[in-house]
Amino acid sequence: RFMLKVIFIISMTILTSICLIIVYDNANT
């Protein structure tokens, strides 16, 4: 259960970072 929580947090962090870069790129464009 702990490992699943850690994996979930890591994957959400990565996805959020990717989304923020996309939003940043689109706004600057």
PDB file of all heavy atoms in Angstrom:
ATOM      1  N   ARG A   1       0.830  -1.200   0.000  1.00  0.00           N
ATOM      2  CA  ARG A   1       0.000   0.000   0.000  1.00  0.00           C
ATOM      3  C   ARG A   1       0.870   1.258   0.000  1.00  0.00           C
ATOM      4  O   ARG A   1       0.589   2.224  -0.722  1.00  0.00           O
ATOM      5  CB  ARG A   1      -0.898  -0.034   1.234  1.00  0.00           C
ATOM      6  CG  ARG A   1      -1.914   1.037   1.262  1.00  0.00           C
ATOM      7  CD  ARG A   1      -2.760   0.897   2.508  1.00  0.00           C
ATOM      8  NE  ARG A   1      -4.140   1.017   2.138  1.00  0.00           N
ATOM      9  CZ  ARG A   1      -5.146   0.760   2.930  1.00  0.00           C
ATOM     10  NH1 ARG A   1      -4.917   0.296   4.140  1.00  0.00           N
ATOM     11  NH2 ARG A   1      -6.373   0.935   2.528  1.00  0.00           N
ATOM     12  N   PHE A   2       1.934   1.237   0.801  1.00  0.00           N
ATOM     13  CA  PHE A   2       2.855   2.366   0.855  1.00  0.00           C
ATOM     14  C   PHE A   2       3.520   2.588  -0.501  1.00  0.00           C
ATOM     15  O   PHE A   2       3.631   3.721  -0.975  1.00  0.00           O
ATOM     16  CB  PHE A   2       3.915   2.132   1.941  1.00  0.00           C
ATOM     17  CG  PHE A   2       4.965   3.194   1.988  1.00  0.00           C
ATOM     18  CD1 PHE A   2       4.685   4.439   2.520  1.00  0.00           C
ATOM     19  CD2 PHE A   2       6.235   2.951   1.480  1.00  0.00           C
ATOM     20  CE1 PHE A   2       5.653   5.433   2.561  1.00  0.00           C
ATOM     21  CE2 PHE A   2       7.203   3.931   1.506  1.00  0.00           C
ATOM     22  CZ  PHE A   2       6.911   5.178   2.054  1.00  0.00           C
ATOM     23  N   MET A   3       3.972   1.507  -1.132  1.00  0.00           N
ATOM     24  CA  MET A   3       4.625   1.621  -2.444  1.00  0.00           C
ATOM     25  C   MET A   3       3.655   2.171  -3.487  1.00  0.00           C
ATOM     26  O   MET A   3       4.041   2.985  -4.331  1.00  0.00           O
ATOM     27  CB  MET A   3       5.185   0.262  -2.892  1.00  0.00           C
ATOM     28  CG  MET A   3       6.431  -0.159  -2.128  1.00  0.00           C
ATOM     29  SD  MET A   3       7.759   1.048  -2.188  1.00  0.00           S
ATOM     30  CE  MET A   3       8.161   1.018  -3.914  1.00  0.00           C
ATOM     31  N   LEU A   4       2.408   1.736  -3.433  1.00  0.00           N
ATOM     32  CA  LEU A   4       1.413   2.256  -4.377  1.00  0.00           C
ATOM     33  C   LEU A   4       1.188   3.751  -4.166  1.00  0.00           C
ATOM     34  O   LEU A   4       1.034   4.495  -5.134  1.00  0.00           O
ATOM     35  CB  LEU A   4       0.099   1.486  -4.234  1.00  0.00           C
ATOM     36  CG  LEU A   4       0.106   0.060  -4.780  1.00  0.00           C
ATOM     37  CD1 LEU A   4      -1.217  -0.637  -4.461  1.00  0.00           C
ATOM     38  CD2 LEU A   4       0.362   0.051  -6.277  1.00  0.00           C
ATOM     39  N   LYS A   5       1.181   4.189  -2.923  1.00  0.00           N
ATOM     40  CA  LYS A   5       1.036   5.615  -2.645  1.00  0.00           C
ATOM     41  C   LYS A   5       2.225   6.400  -3.181  1.00  0.00           C
ATOM     42  O   LYS A   5       2.067   7.466  -3.775  1.00  0.00           O
ATOM     43  CB  LYS A   5       0.890   5.852  -1.143  1.00  0.00           C
ATOM     44  CG  LYS A   5      -0.458   5.497  -0.594  1.00  0.00           C
ATOM     45  CD  LYS A   5      -0.540   5.819   0.896  1.00  0.00           C
ATOM     46  CE  LYS A   5      -1.896   5.422   1.453  1.00  0.00           C
ATOM     47  NZ  LYS A   5      -1.997   5.717   2.902  1.00  0.00           N
ATOM     48  N   VAL A   6       3.414   5.866  -2.971  1.00  0.00           N
ATOM     49  CA  VAL A   6       4.625   6.540  -3.454  1.00  0.00           C
ATOM     50  C   VAL A   6       4.617   6.613  -4.981  1.00  0.00           C
ATOM     51  O   VAL A   6       4.913   7.664  -5.563  1.00  0.00           O
ATOM     52  CB  VAL A   6       5.897   5.830  -2.938  1.00  0.00           C
ATOM     53  CG1 VAL A   6       7.143   6.342  -3.646  1.00  0.00           C
ATOM     54  CG2 VAL A   6       6.022   5.978  -1.435  1.00  0.00           C
ATOM     55  N   ILE A   7       4.278   5.531  -5.632  1.00  0.00           N
ATOM     56  CA  ILE A   7       4.221   5.516  -7.097  1.00  0.00           C
ATOM     57  C   ILE A   7       3.172   6.497  -7.600  1.00  0.00           C
ATOM     58  O   ILE A   7       3.390   7.221  -8.579  1.00  0.00           O
ATOM     59  CB  ILE A   7       3.946   4.081  -7.610  1.00  0.00           C
ATOM     60  CG1 ILE A   7       5.174   3.205  -7.358  1.00  0.00           C
ATOM     61  CG2 ILE A   7       3.574   4.087  -9.089  1.00  0.00           C
ATOM     62  CD1 ILE A   7       4.955   1.733  -7.619  1.00  0.00           C
ATOM     63  N   PHE A   8       2.033   6.548  -6.930  1.00  0.00           N
ATOM     64  CA  PHE A   8       0.975   7.483  -7.313  1.00  0.00           C
ATOM     65  C   PHE A   8       1.463   8.925  -7.189  1.00  0.00           C
ATOM     66  O   PHE A   8       1.266   9.741  -8.098  1.00  0.00           O
ATOM     67  CB  PHE A   8      -0.266   7.261  -6.440  1.00  0.00           C
ATOM     68  CG  PHE A   8      -1.365   8.239  -6.703  1.00  0.00           C
ATOM     69  CD1 PHE A   8      -2.158   8.110  -7.817  1.00  0.00           C
ATOM     70  CD2 PHE A   8      -1.584   9.297  -5.836  1.00  0.00           C
ATOM     71  CE1 PHE A   8      -3.171   9.019  -8.071  1.00  0.00           C
ATOM     72  CE2 PHE A   8      -2.590  10.206  -6.071  1.00  0.00           C
ATOM     73  CZ  PHE A   8      -3.386  10.071  -7.192  1.00  0.00           C
ATOM     74  N   ILE A   9       2.108   9.251  -6.085  1.00  0.00           N
ATOM     75  CA  ILE A   9       2.596  10.618  -5.870  1.00  0.00           C
ATOM     76  C   ILE A   9       3.644  10.991  -6.919  1.00  0.00           C
ATOM     77  O   ILE A   9       3.619  12.089  -7.482  1.00  0.00           O
ATOM     78  CB  ILE A   9       3.159  10.774  -4.437  1.00  0.00           C
ATOM     79  CG1 ILE A   9       2.007  10.702  -3.438  1.00  0.00           C
ATOM     80  CG2 ILE A   9       3.946  12.067  -4.290  1.00  0.00           C
ATOM     81  CD1 ILE A   9       2.448  10.622  -1.993  1.00  0.00           C
ATOM     82  N   ILE A  10       4.553  10.080  -7.207  1.00  0.00           N
ATOM     83  CA  ILE A  10       5.592  10.346  -8.214  1.00  0.00           C
ATOM     84  C   ILE A  10       4.977  10.547  -9.591  1.00  0.00           C
ATOM     85  O   ILE A  10       5.325  11.492 -10.309  1.00  0.00           O
ATOM     86  CB  ILE A  10       6.643   9.212  -8.228  1.00  0.00           C
ATOM     87  CG1 ILE A  10       7.467   9.251  -6.943  1.00  0.00           C
ATOM     88  CG2 ILE A  10       7.547   9.314  -9.447  1.00  0.00           C
ATOM     89  CD1 ILE A  10       8.383   8.071  -6.761  1.00  0.00           C
ATOM     90  N   SER A  11       4.041   9.685  -9.961  1.00  0.00           N
ATOM     91  CA  SER A  11       3.423   9.808 -11.290  1.00  0.00           C
ATOM     92  C   SER A  11       2.610  11.094 -11.399  1.00  0.00           C
ATOM     93  O   SER A  11       2.636  11.762 -12.435  1.00  0.00           O
ATOM     94  CB  SER A  11       2.568   8.587 -11.605  1.00  0.00           C
ATOM     95  OG  SER A  11       1.492   8.486 -10.699  1.00  0.00           O
ATOM     96  N   MET A  12       1.910  11.485 -10.343  1.00  0.00           N
ATOM     97  CA  MET A  12       1.139  12.736 -10.373  1.00  0.00           C
ATOM     98  C   MET A  12       2.067  13.952 -10.451  1.00  0.00           C
ATOM     99  O   MET A  12       1.763  14.922 -11.146  1.00  0.00           O
ATOM    100  CB  MET A  12       0.248  12.852  -9.123  1.00  0.00           C
ATOM    101  CG  MET A  12      -0.957  11.968  -9.157  1.00  0.00           C
ATOM    102  SD  MET A  12      -2.086  12.461 -10.462  1.00  0.00           S
ATOM    103  CE  MET A  12      -2.109  11.022 -11.468  1.00  0.00           C
ATOM    104  N   THR A  13       3.206  13.884  -9.790  1.00  0.00           N
ATOM    105  CA  THR A  13       4.181  14.976  -9.850  1.00  0.00           C
ATOM    106  C   THR A  13       4.715  15.133 -11.271  1.00  0.00           C
ATOM    107  O   THR A  13       4.812  16.254 -11.792  1.00  0.00           O
ATOM    108  CB  THR A  13       5.339  14.708  -8.870  1.00  0.00           C
ATOM    109  OG1 THR A  13       4.803  14.547  -7.561  1.00  0.00           O
ATOM    110  CG2 THR A  13       6.349  15.834  -8.896  1.00  0.00           C
ATOM    111  N   ILE A  14       5.041  14.026 -11.905  1.00  0.00           N
ATOM    112  CA  ILE A  14       5.559  14.066 -13.276  1.00  0.00           C
ATOM    113  C   ILE A  14       4.498  14.598 -14.237  1.00  0.00           C
ATOM    114  O   ILE A  14       4.774  15.469 -15.068  1.00  0.00           O
ATOM    115  CB  ILE A  14       6.053  12.670 -13.703  1.00  0.00           C
ATOM    116  CG1 ILE A  14       7.304  12.299 -12.912  1.00  0.00           C
ATOM    117  CG2 ILE A  14       6.327  12.612 -15.206  1.00  0.00           C
ATOM    118  CD1 ILE A  14       7.743  10.861 -13.071  1.00  0.00           C
ATOM    119  N   LEU A  15       3.270  14.103 -14.112  1.00  0.00           N
ATOM    120  CA  LEU A  15       2.196  14.568 -14.990  1.00  0.00           C
ATOM    121  C   LEU A  15       1.898  16.051 -14.785  1.00  0.00           C
ATOM    122  O   LEU A  15       1.675  16.786 -15.748  1.00  0.00           O
ATOM    123  CB  LEU A  15       0.930  13.745 -14.758  1.00  0.00           C
ATOM    124  CG  LEU A  15       0.968  12.314 -15.299  1.00  0.00           C
ATOM    125  CD1 LEU A  15      -0.273  11.551 -14.859  1.00  0.00           C
ATOM    126  CD2 LEU A  15       1.072  12.322 -16.812  1.00  0.00           C
ATOM    127  N   THR A  16       1.923  16.491 -13.542  1.00  0.00           N
ATOM    128  CA  THR A  16       1.680  17.910 -13.262  1.00  0.00           C
ATOM    129  C   THR A  16       2.783  18.773 -13.867  1.00  0.00           C
ATOM    130  O   THR A  16       2.499  19.824 -14.451  1.00  0.00           O
ATOM    131  CB  THR A  16       1.600  18.147 -11.743  1.00  0.00           C
ATOM    132  OG1 THR A  16       0.570  17.319 -11.200  1.00  0.00           O
ATOM    133  CG2 THR A  16       1.303  19.592 -11.424  1.00  0.00           C
ATOM    134  N   SER A  17       4.019  18.328 -13.768  1.00  0.00           N
ATOM    135  CA  SER A  17       5.137  19.077 -14.350  1.00  0.00           C
ATOM    136  C   SER A  17       4.993  19.190 -15.860  1.00  0.00           C
ATOM    137  O   SER A  17       5.200  20.263 -16.435  1.00  0.00           O
ATOM    138  CB  SER A  17       6.463  18.399 -14.018  1.00  0.00           C
ATOM    139  OG  SER A  17       6.656  18.358 -12.633  1.00  0.00           O
ATOM    140  N   ILE A  18       4.620  18.094 -16.495  1.00  0.00           N
ATOM    141  CA  ILE A  18       4.431  18.104 -17.954  1.00  0.00           C
ATOM    142  C   ILE A  18       3.311  19.062 -18.331  1.00  0.00           C
ATOM    143  O   ILE A  18       3.440  19.859 -19.265  1.00  0.00           O
ATOM    144  CB  ILE A  18       4.156  16.674 -18.467  1.00  0.00           C
ATOM    145  CG1 ILE A  18       5.417  15.825 -18.336  1.00  0.00           C
ATOM    146  CG2 ILE A  18       3.676  16.710 -19.919  1.00  0.00           C
ATOM    147  CD1 ILE A  18       5.194  14.351 -18.586  1.00  0.00           C
ATOM    148  N   CYS A  19       2.205  19.014 -17.583  1.00  0.00           N
ATOM    149  CA  CYS A  19       1.080  19.915 -17.869  1.00  0.00           C
ATOM    150  C   CYS A  19       1.468  21.375 -17.686  1.00  0.00           C
ATOM    151  O   CYS A  19       1.086  22.236 -18.486  1.00  0.00           O
ATOM    152  CB  CYS A  19      -0.118  19.578 -16.986  1.00  0.00           C
ATOM    153  SG  CYS A  19      -0.916  18.032 -17.439  1.00  0.00           S
ATOM    154  N   LEU A  20       2.241  21.668 -16.644  1.00  0.00           N
ATOM    155  CA  LEU A  20       2.666  23.048 -16.416  1.00  0.00           C
ATOM    156  C   LEU A  20       3.576  23.551 -17.527  1.00  0.00           C
ATOM    157  O   LEU A  20       3.476  24.710 -17.945  1.00  0.00           O
ATOM    158  CB  LEU A  20       3.367  23.168 -15.064  1.00  0.00           C
ATOM    159  CG  LEU A  20       2.453  23.100 -13.852  1.00  0.00           C
ATOM    160  CD1 LEU A  20       3.284  23.075 -12.572  1.00  0.00           C
ATOM    161  CD2 LEU A  20       1.487  24.257 -13.831  1.00  0.00           C
ATOM    162  N   ILE A  21       4.440  22.692 -18.027  1.00  0.00           N
ATOM    163  CA  ILE A  21       5.311  23.092 -19.145  1.00  0.00           C
ATOM    164  C   ILE A  21       4.477  23.360 -20.383  1.00  0.00           C
ATOM    165  O   ILE A  21       4.704  24.336 -21.106  1.00  0.00           O
ATOM    166  CB  ILE A  21       6.388  22.014 -19.409  1.00  0.00           C
ATOM    167  CG1 ILE A  21       7.408  22.026 -18.276  1.00  0.00           C
ATOM    168  CG2 ILE A  21       7.072  22.240 -20.753  1.00  0.00           C
ATOM    169  CD1 ILE A  21       8.414  20.897 -18.334  1.00  0.00           C
ATOM    170  N   ILE A  22       3.476  22.525 -20.639  1.00  0.00           N
ATOM    171  CA  ILE A  22       2.604  22.727 -21.808  1.00  0.00           C
ATOM    172  C   ILE A  22       1.834  24.035 -21.674  1.00  0.00           C
ATOM    173  O   ILE A  22       1.747  24.824 -22.631  1.00  0.00           O
ATOM    174  CB  ILE A  22       1.654  21.529 -21.982  1.00  0.00           C
ATOM    175  CG1 ILE A  22       2.447  20.293 -22.412  1.00  0.00           C
ATOM    176  CG2 ILE A  22       0.551  21.842 -22.993  1.00  0.00           C
ATOM    177  CD1 ILE A  22       1.663  19.003 -22.383  1.00  0.00           C
ATOM    178  N   VAL A  23       1.273  24.299 -20.498  1.00  0.00           N
ATOM    179  CA  VAL A  23       0.531  25.548 -20.283  1.00  0.00           C
ATOM    180  C   VAL A  23       1.462  26.750 -20.426  1.00  0.00           C
ATOM    181  O   VAL A  23       1.117  27.746 -21.058  1.00  0.00           O
ATOM    182  CB  VAL A  23      -0.152  25.537 -18.896  1.00  0.00           C
ATOM    183  CG1 VAL A  23      -0.675  26.906 -18.527  1.00  0.00           C
ATOM    184  CG2 VAL A  23      -1.265  24.508 -18.870  1.00  0.00           C
ATOM    185  N   TYR A  24       2.657  26.658 -19.857  1.00  0.00           N
ATOM    186  CA  TYR A  24       3.647  27.734 -19.951  1.00  0.00           C
ATOM    187  C   TYR A  24       3.990  28.004 -21.417  1.00  0.00           C
ATOM    188  O   TYR A  24       4.042  29.148 -21.864  1.00  0.00           O
ATOM    189  CB  TYR A  24       4.889  27.333 -19.154  1.00  0.00           C
ATOM    190  CG  TYR A  24       6.073  28.253 -19.282  1.00  0.00           C
ATOM    191  CD1 TYR A  24       6.144  29.420 -18.536  1.00  0.00           C
ATOM    192  CD2 TYR A  24       7.132  27.946 -20.133  1.00  0.00           C
ATOM    193  CE1 TYR A  24       7.232  30.270 -18.631  1.00  0.00           C
ATOM    194  CE2 TYR A  24       8.216  28.790 -20.239  1.00  0.00           C
ATOM    195  CZ  TYR A  24       8.264  29.943 -19.486  1.00  0.00           C
ATOM    196  OH  TYR A  24       9.346  30.779 -19.601  1.00  0.00           O
ATOM    197  N   ASP A  25       4.210  26.939 -22.167  1.00  0.00           N
ATOM    198  CA  ASP A  25       4.546  27.061 -23.582  1.00  0.00           C
ATOM    199  C   ASP A  25       3.414  27.717 -24.359  1.00  0.00           C
ATOM    200  O   ASP A  25       3.638  28.618 -25.167  1.00  0.00           O
ATOM    201  CB  ASP A  25       4.844  25.678 -24.163  1.00  0.00           C
ATOM    202  CG  ASP A  25       6.258  25.566 -24.685  1.00  0.00           C
ATOM    203  OD1 ASP A  25       7.084  26.414 -24.322  1.00  0.00           O
ATOM    204  OD2 ASP A  25       6.514  24.631 -25.456  1.00  0.00           O
ATOM    205  N   ASN A  26       2.188  27.244 -24.136  1.00  0.00           N
ATOM    206  CA  ASN A  26       1.042  27.790 -24.863  1.00  0.00           C
ATOM    207  C   ASN A  26       0.804  29.256 -24.515  1.00  0.00           C
ATOM    208  O   ASN A  26       0.503  30.063 -25.397  1.00  0.00           O
ATOM    209  CB  ASN A  26      -0.216  26.969 -24.571  1.00  0.00           C
ATOM    210  CG  ASN A  26      -0.178  25.615 -25.250  1.00  0.00           C
ATOM    211  OD1 ASN A  26       0.550  25.424 -26.209  1.00  0.00           O
ATOM    212  ND2 ASN A  26      -0.938  24.683 -24.736  1.00  0.00           N
ATOM    213  N   ALA A  27       0.932  29.601 -23.235  1.00  0.00           N
ATOM    214  CA  ALA A  27       0.737  30.999 -22.830  1.00  0.00           C
ATOM    215  C   ALA A  27       1.784  31.896 -23.469  1.00  0.00           C
ATOM    216  O   ALA A  27       1.464  32.988 -23.975  1.00  0.00           O
ATOM    217  CB  ALA A  27       0.790  31.109 -21.318  1.00  0.00           C
ATOM    218  N   ASN A  28       3.029  31.463 -23.468  1.00  0.00           N
ATOM    219  CA  ASN A  28       4.086  32.273 -24.070  1.00  0.00           C
ATOM    220  C   ASN A  28       3.937  32.378 -25.577  1.00  0.00           C
ATOM    221  O   ASN A  28       4.257  33.404 -26.164  1.00  0.00           O
ATOM    222  CB  ASN A  28       5.457  31.716 -23.703  1.00  0.00           C
ATOM    223  CG  ASN A  28       5.868  32.129 -22.314  1.00  0.00           C
ATOM    224  OD1 ASN A  28       5.527  33.210 -21.875  1.00  0.00           O
ATOM    225  ND2 ASN A  28       6.576  31.271 -21.615  1.00  0.00           N
ATOM    226  N   THR A  29       3.434  31.330 -26.211  1.00  0.00           N
ATOM    227  CA  THR A  29       3.199  31.384 -27.653  1.00  0.00           C
ATOM    228  C   THR A  29       2.110  32.403 -27.968  1.00  0.00           C
ATOM    229  O   THR A  29       2.239  33.191 -28.914  1.00  0.00           O
ATOM    230  CB  THR A  29       2.794  29.993 -28.182  1.00  0.00           C
ATOM    231  OG1 THR A  29       3.847  29.074 -27.891  1.00  0.00           O
ATOM    232  CG2 THR A  29       2.562  30.017 -29.672  1.00  0.00           C
TER     233      THR A  29
END
